[in-house]
C-alpha atoms as a PDB file:
ATOM      1  CA  MET A   1       0.000   0.000   0.000  1.00  0.00           C
ATOM      2  CA  LEU A   2       1.287   3.449  -0.872  1.00  0.00           C
ATOM      3  CA  TYR A   3       0.530   6.598   1.118  1.00  0.00           C
ATOM      4  CA  PRO A   4       2.304   9.531  -0.546  1.00  0.00           C
ATOM      5  CA  GLN A   5       2.555  12.681   1.538  1.00  0.00           C
ATOM      6  CA  ALA A   6       3.275  16.286   0.654  1.00  0.00           C
ATOM      7  CA  LYS A   7       5.717  18.403   2.623  1.00  0.00           C
ATOM      8  CA  THR A   8       4.525  21.429   4.507  1.00  0.00           C
ATOM      9  CA  ARG A   9       5.792  24.775   3.252  1.00  0.00           C
ATOM     10  CA  LEU A  10       5.196  27.809   5.416  1.00  0.00           C
ATOM     11  CA  LEU A  11       3.713  30.106   2.767  1.00  0.00           C
ATOM     12  CA  LEU A  12       2.760  27.865  -0.139  1.00  0.00           C
ATOM     13  CA  ASN A  13       1.393  24.787   1.620  1.00  0.00           C
ATOM     14  CA  PRO A  14       1.282  25.189   5.420  1.00  0.00           C
ATOM     15  CA  LYS A  15      -0.875  22.069   5.969  1.00  0.00           C
ATOM     16  CA  GLY A  16       1.005  19.742   3.604  1.00  0.00           C
ATOM     17  CA  CYS A  17      -1.898  19.220   1.206  1.00  0.00           C
ATOM     18  CA  TRP A  18      -1.704  17.398  -2.104  1.00  0.00           C
ATOM     19  CA  ASP A  19      -1.281  19.917  -4.912  1.00  0.00           C
ATOM     20  CA  TRP A  20      -4.788  20.346  -6.354  1.00  0.00           C
ATOM     21  CA  TRP A  21      -4.487  24.053  -7.179  1.00  0.00           C
ATOM     22  CA  GLY A  22      -1.049  24.401  -8.790  1.00  0.00           C
ATOM     23  CA  TYR A  23       1.322  25.576  -6.077  1.00  0.00           C
ATOM     24  CA  THR A  24       4.160  23.405  -7.407  1.00  0.00           C
ATOM     25  CA  ARG A  25       4.005  24.179 -11.140  1.00  0.00           C
ATOM     26  CA  PRO A  26       1.369  24.848 -13.816  1.00  0.00           C
ATOM     27  CA  ASP A  27       1.555  21.186 -14.913  1.00  0.00           C
ATOM     28  CA  TYR A  28       0.581  19.933 -11.425  1.00  0.00           C
ATOM     29  CA  SER A  29      -2.316  17.818 -12.735  1.00  0.00           C
ATOM     30  CA  TYR A  30      -0.448  16.202 -15.632  1.00  0.00           C
ATOM     31  CA  LYS A  31       1.949  13.277 -15.789  1.00  0.00           C
ATOM     32  CA  SER A  32       4.773  15.806 -16.034  1.00  0.00           C
ATOM     33  CA  GLY A  33       3.836  17.396 -12.674  1.00  0.00           C
ATOM     34  CA  LEU A  34       6.223  16.978  -9.744  1.00  0.00           C
ATOM     35  CA  GLN A  35       3.861  15.033  -7.509  1.00  0.00           C
ATOM     36  CA  MET A  36       2.499  12.895 -10.331  1.00  0.00           C
ATOM     37  CA  LYS A  37       6.044  11.925 -11.332  1.00  0.00           C
ATOM     38  CA  ALA A  38       6.899  11.080  -7.730  1.00  0.00           C
ATOM     39  CA  VAL A  39       3.846   8.840  -7.261  1.00  0.00           C
ATOM     40  CA  ASN A  40       4.462   7.156 -10.608  1.00  0.00           C
ATOM     41  CA  ASN A  41       8.049   6.389  -9.591  1.00  0.00           C
ATOM     42  CA  MET A  42       6.871   5.015  -6.224  1.00  0.00           C
ATOM     43  CA  VAL A  43       4.361   2.714  -7.924  1.00  0.00           C
ATOM     44  CA  LYS A  44       6.999   1.506 -10.396  1.00  0.00           C
ATOM     45  CA  HIS A  45       9.336   0.761  -7.491  1.00  0.00           C
ATOM     46  CA  LEU A  46       6.641  -1.233  -5.688  1.00  0.00           C
ATOM     47  CA  LEU A  47       5.828  -3.210  -8.824  1.00  0.00           C
ATOM     48  CA  LYS A  48       9.492  -4.146  -9.279  1.00  0.00           C
ATOM     49  CA  ASN A  49       9.927  -4.941  -5.574  1.00  0.00           C
ATOM     50  CA  PRO A  50       6.639  -6.374  -4.268  1.00  0.00           C
ATOM     51  CA  ASP A  51       8.188  -7.122  -0.858  1.00  0.00           C
ATOM     52  CA  ALA A  52       9.531  -3.565  -0.394  1.00  0.00           C
ATOM     53  CA  SER A  53       8.437  -1.909   2.798  1.00  0.00           C
END
């Protein structure tokens, strides 16, 4: 199971929310967005290493 988390940032994201309004970059909701890339890489890692914890 994967539970990705966002980091808190004092001015941009003080509560550590997932980027649903574009505080990271304009492409936040596309595959090229920072968080989307990170989650995709995490899923790929889990698929290659099913026993990873």
